[in-house]
Amino acid sequence: MVRPTVPQMEREFISVNVAVLTVSDTRTIETDSSGKLIADRLTEVGHRIVAHEIVIDSELIIRAKLAQWIADPGVDVVIATGGTGVTPRDVTPEALAPLVTKSIPGFGELFRWISYEEIGTSTIQSRAEAALCGATYVFLLPGSTGGVRTGLEKILIPQLDHRLKPCNFVMLLPRIRNEKTS
């Protein structure tokens, strides 16, 4: 099995601004362990949490919140947790779909491959995905704390580290924004 590349220290760490969205009809800020895990872990590694909210499982409400953050130049990354399963109330991917500029199918594929080693064939029920929406990355993770931990530790924390070689999401942000790189 190929192991992920370890961040190299030849580049400096670059902090990004992250908005965290929990999609749930039942969770509150006090009981939102998955959203809290995202905010806590990303803060621990050096990123800035610029927003953290909970919305109900409503396609229109989810889409409105995602669109607001995508349009905000102070948000680089949105990470949503919840609403990625297969029940009728799971509508987070549908809410995101009209906002997508470019899908990032490898994220969902990798997430399910890694999850298979942890939870077996149950991973097939996950619709975790990622996309570039304008100049903002959006990642959809399951609502379970275990699923969030897998996505964070094994994919997002490494990919949101500018030092990771050969490439990472952070190093692409200037090109995505049509900025000149030095």
N, C-alpha and C. Protein backbone atom coordinates (compact mmCIF):
# COMPACT_ATOMS: atom_id res chain seq x y z
N MET A 1 0.84 -1.18 0.00
CA MET A 1 0.00 0.00 0.00
C MET A 1 0.89 1.24 0.00
N VAL A 2 0.53 2.22 -0.80
CA VAL A 2 1.27 3.47 -0.88
C VAL A 2 0.86 4.35 0.30
N ARG A 3 1.81 4.87 0.99
CA ARG A 3 1.56 5.75 2.14
C ARG A 3 1.53 7.20 1.69
N PRO A 4 0.70 8.05 2.32
CA PRO A 4 0.68 9.46 1.94
C PRO A 4 2.01 10.13 2.21
N THR A 5 2.28 11.15 1.41
CA THR A 5 3.50 11.92 1.59
C THR A 5 3.44 12.69 2.90
N VAL A 6 4.55 12.73 3.60
CA VAL A 6 4.63 13.49 4.85
C VAL A 6 4.95 14.94 4.51
N PRO A 7 4.31 15.89 5.18
CA PRO A 7 4.63 17.30 4.90
C PRO A 7 6.13 17.56 5.00
N GLN A 8 6.66 18.28 4.05
CA GLN A 8 8.07 18.64 4.04
C GLN A 8 8.21 20.04 4.61
N MET A 9 9.29 20.32 5.26
CA MET A 9 9.49 21.61 5.92
C MET A 9 10.15 22.66 5.03
N GLU A 10 10.31 22.39 3.74
CA GLU A 10 10.94 23.34 2.84
C GLU A 10 10.01 24.51 2.53
N ARG A 11 8.73 24.33 2.71
CA ARG A 11 7.74 25.39 2.50
C ARG A 11 7.19 25.80 3.86
N GLU A 12 6.71 27.02 3.94
CA GLU A 12 6.09 27.48 5.18
C GLU A 12 4.63 27.08 5.22
N PHE A 13 4.12 26.89 6.42
CA PHE A 13 2.70 26.61 6.60
C PHE A 13 1.90 27.86 6.25
N ILE A 14 0.81 27.70 5.54
CA ILE A 14 -0.08 28.81 5.22
C ILE A 14 -1.45 28.49 5.80
N SER A 15 -1.92 29.34 6.68
CA SER A 15 -3.22 29.16 7.31
C SER A 15 -4.32 29.56 6.33
N VAL A 16 -5.41 28.79 6.29
CA VAL A 16 -6.56 29.14 5.47
C VAL A 16 -7.76 29.41 6.37
N ASN A 17 -8.73 30.15 5.83
CA ASN A 17 -9.96 30.48 6.55
C ASN A 17 -11.01 29.43 6.23
N VAL A 18 -11.53 28.80 7.28
CA VAL A 18 -12.45 27.68 7.13
C VAL A 18 -13.80 28.01 7.77
N ALA A 19 -14.87 27.71 7.05
CA ALA A 19 -16.22 27.78 7.59
C ALA A 19 -16.72 26.36 7.78
N VAL A 20 -17.31 26.08 8.94
CA VAL A 20 -17.78 24.74 9.27
C VAL A 20 -19.31 24.76 9.32
N LEU A 21 -19.92 23.87 8.57
CA LEU A 21 -21.38 23.76 8.53
C LEU A 21 -21.80 22.38 8.98
N THR A 22 -22.63 22.33 10.00
CA THR A 22 -23.22 21.06 10.44
C THR A 22 -24.64 21.02 9.94
N VAL A 23 -25.00 19.95 9.26
CA VAL A 23 -26.35 19.76 8.75
C VAL A 23 -27.03 18.72 9.63
N SER A 24 -28.04 19.17 10.38
CA SER A 24 -28.71 18.27 11.31
C SER A 24 -30.03 18.87 11.79
N ASP A 25 -31.02 18.02 11.95
CA ASP A 25 -32.29 18.43 12.53
C ASP A 25 -32.27 18.34 14.05
N THR A 26 -31.25 17.69 14.60
CA THR A 26 -31.26 17.41 16.04
C THR A 26 -30.09 18.00 16.82
N ARG A 27 -29.00 18.31 16.18
CA ARG A 27 -27.83 18.77 16.93
C ARG A 27 -27.92 20.26 17.26
N THR A 28 -27.26 20.58 18.36
CA THR A 28 -27.10 21.98 18.77
C THR A 28 -25.59 22.22 18.87
N ILE A 29 -25.19 23.46 19.08
CA ILE A 29 -23.76 23.75 19.23
C ILE A 29 -23.18 22.90 20.36
N GLU A 30 -23.95 22.69 21.42
CA GLU A 30 -23.47 21.90 22.56
C GLU A 30 -23.32 20.42 22.23
N THR A 31 -24.16 19.88 21.33
CA THR A 31 -24.13 18.45 21.04
C THR A 31 -23.49 18.12 19.68
N ASP A 32 -22.97 19.11 19.02
CA ASP A 32 -22.40 18.94 17.68
C ASP A 32 -20.94 18.47 17.78
N SER A 33 -20.75 17.18 18.04
CA SER A 33 -19.39 16.66 18.20
C SER A 33 -18.61 16.65 16.88
N SER A 34 -19.28 16.43 15.77
CA SER A 34 -18.58 16.39 14.49
C SER A 34 -18.10 17.78 14.06
N GLY A 35 -18.97 18.78 14.16
CA GLY A 35 -18.56 20.14 13.82
C GLY A 35 -17.47 20.65 14.75
N LYS A 36 -17.59 20.29 16.03
CA LYS A 36 -16.58 20.69 17.01
C LYS A 36 -15.24 20.05 16.68
N LEU A 37 -15.26 18.79 16.29
CA LEU A 37 -14.02 18.09 15.92
C LEU A 37 -13.34 18.80 14.74
N ILE A 38 -14.12 19.17 13.74
CA ILE A 38 -13.55 19.88 12.58
C ILE A 38 -12.90 21.18 13.04
N ALA A 39 -13.67 21.97 13.78
CA ALA A 39 -13.16 23.27 14.23
C ALA A 39 -11.93 23.12 15.12
N ASP A 40 -11.99 22.20 16.07
CA ASP A 40 -10.87 22.01 17.00
C ASP A 40 -9.61 21.53 16.29
N ARG A 41 -9.74 20.50 15.45
CA ARG A 41 -8.54 19.93 14.80
C ARG A 41 -7.90 20.92 13.83
N LEU A 42 -8.73 21.62 13.07
CA LEU A 42 -8.14 22.57 12.12
C LEU A 42 -7.50 23.75 12.83
N THR A 43 -8.07 24.16 13.94
CA THR A 43 -7.45 25.22 14.74
C THR A 43 -6.12 24.72 15.31
N GLU A 44 -6.11 23.49 15.81
CA GLU A 44 -4.88 22.91 16.37
C GLU A 44 -3.74 22.89 15.36
N VAL A 45 -4.05 22.63 14.09
CA VAL A 45 -2.97 22.56 13.09
C VAL A 45 -2.64 23.92 12.50
N GLY A 46 -3.38 24.97 12.87
CA GLY A 46 -3.01 26.32 12.47
C GLY A 46 -3.94 27.07 11.55
N HIS A 47 -5.09 26.49 11.23
CA HIS A 47 -6.04 27.19 10.37
C HIS A 47 -6.99 28.05 11.22
N ARG A 48 -7.69 28.96 10.55
CA ARG A 48 -8.62 29.86 11.23
C ARG A 48 -10.05 29.44 10.93
N ILE A 49 -10.85 29.26 11.98
CA ILE A 49 -12.27 28.98 11.81
C ILE A 49 -12.97 30.34 11.80
N VAL A 50 -13.54 30.71 10.66
CA VAL A 50 -14.15 32.03 10.52
C VAL A 50 -15.66 31.98 10.68
N ALA A 51 -16.24 30.78 10.66
CA ALA A 51 -17.68 30.61 10.88
C ALA A 51 -17.94 29.16 11.26
N HIS A 52 -18.96 28.96 12.08
CA HIS A 52 -19.37 27.61 12.48
C HIS A 52 -20.87 27.69 12.78
N GLU A 53 -21.66 27.05 11.94
CA GLU A 53 -23.11 27.11 12.10
C GLU A 53 -23.74 25.74 11.92
N ILE A 54 -24.98 25.64 12.40
CA ILE A 54 -25.78 24.44 12.22
C ILE A 54 -27.04 24.84 11.46
N VAL A 55 -27.38 24.06 10.44
CA VAL A 55 -28.62 24.28 9.70
C VAL A 55 -29.39 22.96 9.65
N ILE A 56 -30.69 23.06 9.45
CA ILE A 56 -31.52 21.85 9.35
C ILE A 56 -31.33 21.19 7.99
N ASP A 57 -31.79 19.95 7.90
CA ASP A 57 -31.70 19.18 6.66
C ASP A 57 -32.71 19.70 5.64
N SER A 58 -32.42 20.84 5.08
CA SER A 58 -33.27 21.45 4.05
C SER A 58 -32.38 21.85 2.89
N GLU A 59 -32.67 21.32 1.71
CA GLU A 59 -31.83 21.60 0.55
C GLU A 59 -31.67 23.10 0.32
N LEU A 60 -32.75 23.85 0.42
CA LEU A 60 -32.68 25.30 0.16
C LEU A 60 -31.88 26.04 1.22
N ILE A 61 -32.06 25.66 2.47
CA ILE A 61 -31.33 26.32 3.56
C ILE A 61 -29.84 25.99 3.49
N ILE A 62 -29.52 24.74 3.23
CA ILE A 62 -28.13 24.33 3.09
C ILE A 62 -27.49 25.09 1.93
N ARG A 63 -28.17 25.11 0.78
CA ARG A 63 -27.63 25.79 -0.40
C ARG A 63 -27.41 27.27 -0.13
N ALA A 64 -28.36 27.92 0.55
CA ALA A 64 -28.21 29.35 0.84
C ALA A 64 -26.98 29.62 1.71
N LYS A 65 -26.76 28.79 2.72
CA LYS A 65 -25.60 28.99 3.59
C LYS A 65 -24.30 28.72 2.83
N LEU A 66 -24.27 27.64 2.05
CA LEU A 66 -23.07 27.36 1.25
C LEU A 66 -22.80 28.50 0.27
N ALA A 67 -23.83 28.98 -0.40
CA ALA A 67 -23.65 30.07 -1.37
C ALA A 67 -23.14 31.34 -0.69
N GLN A 68 -23.64 31.62 0.50
CA GLN A 68 -23.17 32.80 1.25
C GLN A 68 -21.68 32.70 1.53
N TRP A 69 -21.23 31.55 2.02
CA TRP A 69 -19.82 31.38 2.34
C TRP A 69 -18.95 31.32 1.09
N ILE A 70 -19.45 30.70 0.01
CA ILE A 70 -18.69 30.64 -1.24
C ILE A 70 -18.47 32.04 -1.79
N ALA A 71 -19.44 32.90 -1.63
CA ALA A 71 -19.34 34.28 -2.13
C ALA A 71 -18.47 35.17 -1.25
N ASP A 72 -18.18 34.73 -0.04
CA ASP A 72 -17.41 35.53 0.91
C ASP A 72 -15.91 35.39 0.63
N PRO A 73 -15.22 36.46 0.24
CA PRO A 73 -13.78 36.35 -0.04
C PRO A 73 -12.95 36.02 1.20
N GLY A 74 -13.55 36.11 2.38
CA GLY A 74 -12.85 35.76 3.62
C GLY A 74 -12.94 34.28 3.96
N VAL A 75 -13.57 33.47 3.11
CA VAL A 75 -13.68 32.03 3.32
C VAL A 75 -12.95 31.32 2.19
N ASP A 76 -11.94 30.53 2.55
CA ASP A 76 -11.18 29.74 1.57
C ASP A 76 -11.74 28.34 1.40
N VAL A 77 -12.22 27.78 2.51
CA VAL A 77 -12.64 26.37 2.54
C VAL A 77 -13.92 26.27 3.36
N VAL A 78 -14.88 25.50 2.86
CA VAL A 78 -16.08 25.16 3.62
C VAL A 78 -16.05 23.66 3.84
N ILE A 79 -16.26 23.25 5.09
CA ILE A 79 -16.37 21.83 5.38
C ILE A 79 -17.73 21.62 6.02
N ALA A 80 -18.56 20.80 5.37
CA ALA A 80 -19.88 20.48 5.89
C ALA A 80 -19.87 19.06 6.42
N THR A 81 -20.60 18.84 7.50
CA THR A 81 -20.74 17.51 8.06
C THR A 81 -22.23 17.20 8.18
N GLY A 82 -22.62 16.04 7.68
CA GLY A 82 -24.01 15.62 7.78
C GLY A 82 -24.75 15.75 6.46
N GLY A 83 -25.79 14.94 6.33
CA GLY A 83 -26.64 15.00 5.16
C GLY A 83 -26.07 14.35 3.92
N THR A 84 -25.09 13.44 4.10
CA THR A 84 -24.44 12.82 2.94
C THR A 84 -24.81 11.35 2.77
N GLY A 85 -25.77 10.89 3.53
CA GLY A 85 -26.20 9.50 3.43
C GLY A 85 -27.21 9.30 2.31
N VAL A 86 -28.01 8.24 2.41
CA VAL A 86 -28.94 7.89 1.35
C VAL A 86 -30.42 8.01 1.74
N THR A 87 -30.71 8.50 2.94
CA THR A 87 -32.11 8.64 3.32
C THR A 87 -32.71 9.88 2.64
N PRO A 88 -34.03 9.97 2.58
CA PRO A 88 -34.65 11.14 1.93
C PRO A 88 -34.24 12.48 2.54
N ARG A 89 -33.90 12.54 3.82
CA ARG A 89 -33.50 13.80 4.46
C ARG A 89 -32.06 14.17 4.15
N ASP A 90 -31.27 13.27 3.61
CA ASP A 90 -29.86 13.53 3.29
C ASP A 90 -29.76 14.25 1.95
N VAL A 91 -29.65 15.58 1.99
CA VAL A 91 -29.71 16.37 0.76
C VAL A 91 -28.52 17.33 0.59
N THR A 92 -27.47 17.15 1.38
CA THR A 92 -26.34 18.07 1.27
C THR A 92 -25.69 18.03 -0.11
N PRO A 93 -25.43 16.86 -0.71
CA PRO A 93 -24.86 16.88 -2.07
C PRO A 93 -25.78 17.57 -3.09
N GLU A 94 -27.09 17.37 -2.96
CA GLU A 94 -28.03 18.01 -3.87
C GLU A 94 -28.03 19.53 -3.68
N ALA A 95 -27.86 19.97 -2.44
CA ALA A 95 -27.80 21.40 -2.15
C ALA A 95 -26.56 22.02 -2.78
N LEU A 96 -25.46 21.30 -2.76
CA LEU A 96 -24.20 21.81 -3.30
C LEU A 96 -24.18 21.81 -4.83
N ALA A 97 -24.82 20.85 -5.45
CA ALA A 97 -24.68 20.61 -6.90
C ALA A 97 -24.77 21.86 -7.78
N PRO A 98 -25.75 22.74 -7.62
CA PRO A 98 -25.83 23.89 -8.53
C PRO A 98 -24.72 24.93 -8.31
N LEU A 99 -23.96 24.81 -7.23
CA LEU A 99 -22.92 25.78 -6.90
C LEU A 99 -21.54 25.35 -7.39
N VAL A 100 -21.44 24.13 -7.91
CA VAL A 100 -20.15 23.54 -8.26
C VAL A 100 -19.61 24.11 -9.57
N THR A 101 -18.35 24.57 -9.51
CA THR A 101 -17.61 24.98 -10.70
C THR A 101 -16.86 23.77 -11.27
N LYS A 102 -16.17 23.05 -10.38
CA LYS A 102 -15.45 21.83 -10.77
C LYS A 102 -15.60 20.83 -9.65
N SER A 103 -16.03 19.63 -10.00
CA SER A 103 -16.09 18.59 -8.98
C SER A 103 -14.68 18.04 -8.75
N ILE A 104 -14.47 17.50 -7.56
CA ILE A 104 -13.19 16.88 -7.21
C ILE A 104 -13.52 15.43 -6.83
N PRO A 105 -13.78 14.58 -7.82
CA PRO A 105 -14.26 13.22 -7.52
C PRO A 105 -13.28 12.38 -6.73
N GLY A 106 -11.99 12.67 -6.85
CA GLY A 106 -11.00 11.88 -6.12
C GLY A 106 -11.18 11.94 -4.62
N PHE A 107 -11.73 13.04 -4.10
CA PHE A 107 -11.94 13.14 -2.66
C PHE A 107 -12.90 12.07 -2.17
N GLY A 108 -14.08 11.97 -2.79
CA GLY A 108 -15.05 10.96 -2.37
C GLY A 108 -14.55 9.55 -2.58
N GLU A 109 -13.86 9.35 -3.70
CA GLU A 109 -13.31 8.03 -3.98
C GLU A 109 -12.30 7.62 -2.92
N LEU A 110 -11.38 8.54 -2.59
CA LEU A 110 -10.37 8.26 -1.58
C LEU A 110 -11.00 8.07 -0.21
N PHE A 111 -11.97 8.92 0.12
CA PHE A 111 -12.65 8.80 1.40
C PHE A 111 -13.27 7.41 1.56
N ARG A 112 -13.99 6.95 0.54
CA ARG A 112 -14.64 5.64 0.63
C ARG A 112 -13.61 4.51 0.65
N TRP A 113 -12.50 4.66 -0.06
CA TRP A 113 -11.46 3.64 -0.05
C TRP A 113 -10.86 3.51 1.34
N ILE A 114 -10.54 4.66 1.95
CA ILE A 114 -9.99 4.64 3.31
C ILE A 114 -11.03 4.10 4.29
N SER A 115 -12.27 4.55 4.15
CA SER A 115 -13.35 4.12 5.05
C SER A 115 -13.61 2.63 4.95
N TYR A 116 -13.41 2.06 3.77
CA TYR A 116 -13.63 0.63 3.60
C TYR A 116 -12.77 -0.17 4.57
N GLU A 117 -11.54 0.28 4.78
CA GLU A 117 -10.65 -0.40 5.71
C GLU A 117 -11.14 -0.27 7.15
N GLU A 118 -11.93 0.76 7.44
CA GLU A 118 -12.43 1.00 8.80
C GLU A 118 -13.81 0.41 9.05
N ILE A 119 -14.72 0.53 8.07
CA ILE A 119 -16.11 0.11 8.31
C ILE A 119 -16.64 -0.88 7.28
N GLY A 120 -15.77 -1.37 6.41
CA GLY A 120 -16.18 -2.36 5.43
C GLY A 120 -17.13 -1.79 4.38
N THR A 121 -18.00 -2.66 3.90
CA THR A 121 -18.88 -2.28 2.80
C THR A 121 -19.91 -1.21 3.18
N SER A 122 -20.07 -0.91 4.44
CA SER A 122 -20.99 0.17 4.83
C SER A 122 -20.58 1.51 4.22
N THR A 123 -19.32 1.64 3.82
CA THR A 123 -18.86 2.89 3.22
C THR A 123 -19.59 3.23 1.93
N ILE A 124 -20.20 2.23 1.29
CA ILE A 124 -20.90 2.47 0.04
C ILE A 124 -22.08 3.43 0.23
N GLN A 125 -22.55 3.57 1.46
CA GLN A 125 -23.68 4.46 1.74
C GLN A 125 -23.26 5.92 1.86
N SER A 126 -21.97 6.19 1.86
CA SER A 126 -21.48 7.57 2.00
C SER A 126 -21.46 8.28 0.66
N ARG A 127 -21.97 9.51 0.67
CA ARG A 127 -21.88 10.36 -0.51
C ARG A 127 -20.96 11.54 -0.22
N ALA A 128 -19.91 11.28 0.53
CA ALA A 128 -18.89 12.31 0.79
C ALA A 128 -18.35 12.76 -0.55
N GLU A 129 -18.16 14.07 -0.69
CA GLU A 129 -17.65 14.59 -1.96
C GLU A 129 -16.99 15.94 -1.74
N ALA A 130 -16.38 16.44 -2.80
CA ALA A 130 -15.71 17.74 -2.74
C ALA A 130 -15.85 18.42 -4.09
N ALA A 131 -15.75 19.74 -4.04
CA ALA A 131 -15.85 20.53 -5.26
C ALA A 131 -15.16 21.87 -5.07
N LEU A 132 -14.80 22.45 -6.18
CA LEU A 132 -14.38 23.84 -6.20
C LEU A 132 -15.60 24.62 -6.64
N CYS A 133 -15.97 25.62 -5.87
CA CYS A 133 -17.12 26.47 -6.16
C CYS A 133 -16.58 27.89 -6.27
N GLY A 134 -16.42 28.37 -7.50
CA GLY A 134 -15.73 29.64 -7.68
C GLY A 134 -14.29 29.47 -7.24
N ALA A 135 -13.89 30.22 -6.21
CA ALA A 135 -12.53 30.13 -5.68
C ALA A 135 -12.52 29.51 -4.28
N THR A 136 -13.59 28.80 -3.93
CA THR A 136 -13.73 28.22 -2.59
C THR A 136 -13.82 26.70 -2.70
N TYR A 137 -13.03 26.02 -1.89
CA TYR A 137 -13.14 24.56 -1.79
C TYR A 137 -14.29 24.23 -0.86
N VAL A 138 -15.10 23.23 -1.24
CA VAL A 138 -16.18 22.75 -0.38
C VAL A 138 -16.03 21.24 -0.25
N PHE A 139 -16.02 20.78 0.99
CA PHE A 139 -15.88 19.35 1.29
C PHE A 139 -17.10 18.91 2.08
N LEU A 140 -17.72 17.82 1.66
CA LEU A 140 -18.88 17.26 2.35
C LEU A 140 -18.47 15.96 3.02
N LEU A 141 -18.58 15.95 4.34
CA LEU A 141 -18.23 14.77 5.13
C LEU A 141 -19.49 14.19 5.77
N PRO A 142 -19.45 12.93 6.17
CA PRO A 142 -20.58 12.34 6.88
C PRO A 142 -20.83 13.07 8.20
N GLY A 143 -21.97 12.79 8.81
CA GLY A 143 -22.29 13.38 10.11
C GLY A 143 -21.63 12.67 11.27
N SER A 144 -21.19 11.45 11.07
CA SER A 144 -20.59 10.69 12.17
C SER A 144 -19.22 11.25 12.53
N THR A 145 -18.93 11.25 13.82
CA THR A 145 -17.63 11.73 14.27
C THR A 145 -16.50 10.88 13.70
N GLY A 146 -16.73 9.57 13.59
CA GLY A 146 -15.71 8.69 13.01
C GLY A 146 -15.43 9.03 11.56
N GLY A 147 -16.47 9.28 10.79
CA GLY A 147 -16.31 9.66 9.39
C GLY A 147 -15.59 10.99 9.25
N VAL A 148 -15.94 11.93 10.12
CA VAL A 148 -15.29 13.24 10.11
C VAL A 148 -13.80 13.08 10.44
N ARG A 149 -13.51 12.28 11.46
CA ARG A 149 -12.11 12.07 11.85
C ARG A 149 -11.32 11.46 10.69
N THR A 150 -11.89 10.49 10.02
CA THR A 150 -11.22 9.87 8.87
C THR A 150 -10.94 10.92 7.79
N GLY A 151 -11.94 11.69 7.42
CA GLY A 151 -11.77 12.70 6.39
C GLY A 151 -10.75 13.75 6.74
N LEU A 152 -10.77 14.17 8.00
CA LEU A 152 -9.83 15.19 8.46
C LEU A 152 -8.40 14.66 8.50
N GLU A 153 -8.22 13.61 9.27
CA GLU A 153 -6.86 13.13 9.55
C GLU A 153 -6.18 12.53 8.33
N LYS A 154 -6.94 11.84 7.50
CA LYS A 154 -6.30 11.11 6.42
C LYS A 154 -6.33 11.83 5.07
N ILE A 155 -7.18 12.87 4.95
CA ILE A 155 -7.24 13.58 3.67
C ILE A 155 -7.09 15.09 3.85
N LEU A 156 -7.99 15.70 4.60
CA LEU A 156 -8.05 17.17 4.62
C LEU A 156 -6.87 17.84 5.33
N ILE A 157 -6.50 17.37 6.50
CA ILE A 157 -5.37 18.02 7.19
C ILE A 157 -4.11 17.94 6.32
N PRO A 158 -3.79 16.79 5.73
CA PRO A 158 -2.62 16.78 4.84
C PRO A 158 -2.81 17.68 3.61
N GLN A 159 -3.96 17.64 2.97
CA GLN A 159 -4.17 18.41 1.75
C GLN A 159 -4.32 19.91 2.00
N LEU A 160 -4.62 20.30 3.22
CA LEU A 160 -4.69 21.72 3.56
C LEU A 160 -3.38 22.21 4.19
N ASP A 161 -2.33 21.44 4.00
CA ASP A 161 -1.01 21.81 4.49
C ASP A 161 -0.14 22.16 3.28
N HIS A 162 0.20 23.41 3.15
CA HIS A 162 0.98 23.91 2.02
C HIS A 162 2.32 23.20 1.87
N ARG A 163 2.80 22.58 2.93
CA ARG A 163 4.10 21.92 2.90
C ARG A 163 4.04 20.53 2.26
N LEU A 164 2.84 19.97 2.09
CA LEU A 164 2.71 18.62 1.54
C LEU A 164 3.17 18.59 0.09
N LYS A 165 4.05 17.65 -0.21
CA LYS A 165 4.54 17.48 -1.57
C LYS A 165 4.05 16.15 -2.10
N PRO A 166 3.79 16.02 -3.37
CA PRO A 166 4.17 16.98 -4.40
C PRO A 166 3.18 18.13 -4.58
N CYS A 167 1.94 17.99 -4.13
CA CYS A 167 0.99 19.09 -4.30
C CYS A 167 -0.09 19.01 -3.22
N ASN A 168 -0.83 20.11 -3.09
CA ASN A 168 -1.88 20.19 -2.09
C ASN A 168 -2.87 21.25 -2.52
N PHE A 169 -4.02 21.30 -1.85
CA PHE A 169 -5.06 22.26 -2.21
C PHE A 169 -4.64 23.71 -1.96
N VAL A 170 -3.88 23.95 -0.91
CA VAL A 170 -3.51 25.33 -0.55
C VAL A 170 -2.61 25.95 -1.61
N MET A 171 -1.67 25.20 -2.13
CA MET A 171 -0.76 25.76 -3.12
C MET A 171 -1.48 26.14 -4.42
N LEU A 172 -2.65 25.58 -4.67
CA LEU A 172 -3.40 25.89 -5.88
C LEU A 172 -4.28 27.14 -5.74
N LEU A 173 -4.53 27.59 -4.51
CA LEU A 173 -5.42 28.73 -4.31
C LEU A 173 -5.02 29.98 -5.11
N PRO A 174 -3.74 30.38 -5.14
CA PRO A 174 -3.40 31.57 -5.93
C PRO A 174 -3.74 31.40 -7.42
N ARG A 175 -3.50 30.23 -7.97
CA ARG A 175 -3.83 29.99 -9.38
C ARG A 175 -5.33 30.01 -9.59
N ILE A 176 -6.05 29.43 -8.66
CA ILE A 176 -7.51 29.42 -8.76
C ILE A 176 -8.05 30.85 -8.73
N ARG A 177 -7.43 31.68 -7.93
CA ARG A 177 -7.86 33.07 -7.80
C ARG A 177 -7.24 33.98 -8.85
N ASN A 178 -6.51 33.38 -9.78
CA ASN A 178 -5.84 34.14 -10.85
C ASN A 178 -4.85 35.15 -10.30
N GLU A 179 -4.24 34.81 -9.16
CA GLU A 179 -3.20 35.66 -8.61
C GLU A 179 -1.87 35.20 -9.13
N LYS A 180 -0.94 36.11 -9.17
CA LYS A 180 0.42 35.74 -9.57
C LYS A 180 1.12 35.12 -8.38
N THR A 181 1.82 34.04 -8.62
CA THR A 181 2.60 33.41 -7.55
C THR A 181 4.02 33.92 -7.60
N SER A 182 4.66 33.94 -6.45
CA SER A 182 6.04 34.44 -6.42
C SER A 182 7.04 33.34 -6.63
